[in-house]
Protein backbone atom coordinates (compact mmCIF):
# COMPACT_ATOMS: atom_id res chain seq x y z
CA UNK A 1 -10.92 10.66 -17.49
CA UNK A 2 -8.26 8.07 -18.91
CA UNK A 3 -4.70 8.73 -20.17
CA UNK A 4 -3.65 7.24 -23.36
CA UNK A 5 -0.24 5.51 -23.29
CA UNK A 6 1.81 3.59 -25.69
CA UNK A 7 3.08 0.15 -25.10
CA UNK A 8 6.65 0.08 -26.39
CA UNK A 9 8.85 -3.02 -27.19
CA UNK A 10 12.73 -2.71 -27.07
CA UNK A 11 14.34 -5.25 -29.20
CA UNK A 12 17.77 -6.48 -27.99
CA UNK A 13 20.10 -8.56 -29.96
CA UNK A 14 21.07 -10.54 -26.85
CA UNK A 15 17.45 -11.88 -25.99
CA UNK A 16 13.82 -11.50 -26.41
CA UNK A 17 13.55 -7.89 -25.61
CA UNK A 18 11.62 -5.82 -22.99
CA UNK A 19 7.99 -4.36 -22.99
CA UNK A 20 7.41 -0.84 -21.36
CA UNK A 21 4.48 1.17 -20.29
CA UNK A 22 5.28 4.74 -19.05
CA UNK A 23 3.07 6.42 -16.75
CA UNK A 24 2.06 9.96 -17.48
CA UNK A 25 3.58 12.41 -15.11
CA UNK A 26 0.07 13.66 -13.76
CA UNK A 27 -0.81 9.96 -12.90
CA UNK A 28 2.37 9.21 -11.34
CA UNK A 29 2.00 12.44 -9.17
CA UNK A 30 -1.59 11.70 -8.25
CA UNK A 31 -0.58 8.25 -7.12
CA UNK A 32 2.30 9.65 -5.09
CA UNK A 33 4.89 7.11 -6.67
CA UNK A 34 8.54 7.03 -5.70
CA UNK A 35 11.53 6.33 -7.58
CA UNK A 36 12.41 2.97 -7.34
CA UNK A 37 9.19 2.03 -5.80
CA UNK A 38 8.26 -1.89 -6.28
CA UNK A 39 4.83 -2.59 -7.65
CA UNK A 40 3.14 -5.85 -8.61
CA UNK A 41 1.01 -6.28 -11.89
CA UNK A 42 -2.10 -8.79 -11.76
CA UNK A 43 -3.73 -9.88 -14.88
CA UNK A 44 -7.40 -9.30 -14.30
CA UNK A 45 -8.40 -10.56 -17.89
CA UNK A 46 -7.01 -9.70 -21.40
CA UNK A 47 -8.52 -6.16 -21.08
CA UNK A 48 -7.49 -5.06 -17.39
CA UNK A 49 -4.04 -5.27 -15.49
CA UNK A 50 -4.22 -4.43 -11.74
CA UNK A 51 -1.29 -2.47 -10.44
CA UNK A 52 -0.98 -3.55 -6.66
CA UNK A 53 1.27 -1.61 -4.09
CA UNK A 54 2.29 -3.43 -0.88
CA UNK A 55 3.31 -0.28 0.99
CA UNK A 56 1.36 2.94 0.59
CA UNK A 57 1.70 6.03 2.86
CA UNK A 58 -1.39 7.25 4.41
CA UNK A 59 -3.25 9.74 2.69
CA UNK A 60 -2.73 13.32 3.76
CA UNK A 61 -6.38 14.07 3.34
CA UNK A 62 -8.76 12.81 5.75
CA UNK A 63 -11.66 10.52 4.34
CA UNK A 64 -15.07 11.58 4.88
CA UNK A 65 -17.16 8.54 6.35
CA UNK A 66 -20.76 8.28 4.76
CA UNK A 67 -23.67 8.42 7.12
CA UNK A 68 -26.00 5.60 6.92
CA UNK A 69 -29.69 6.49 6.21
CA UNK A 70 -32.23 4.96 8.40
């Protein structure tokens, strides 16, 4: 499921302005973001941006390993 989000441009008299993209609360909570956390954007192509976090806490839920079938 996706979450629609608007891209906003704030025009400033002193400069070129700033672009903003706000994360929906449910997405930020699911990703366990913290206030002031630094993230990095990478342009995959004109349709996709990739958000990269350098420091991620371990998941509190243990991951199940898939068994290999012979």
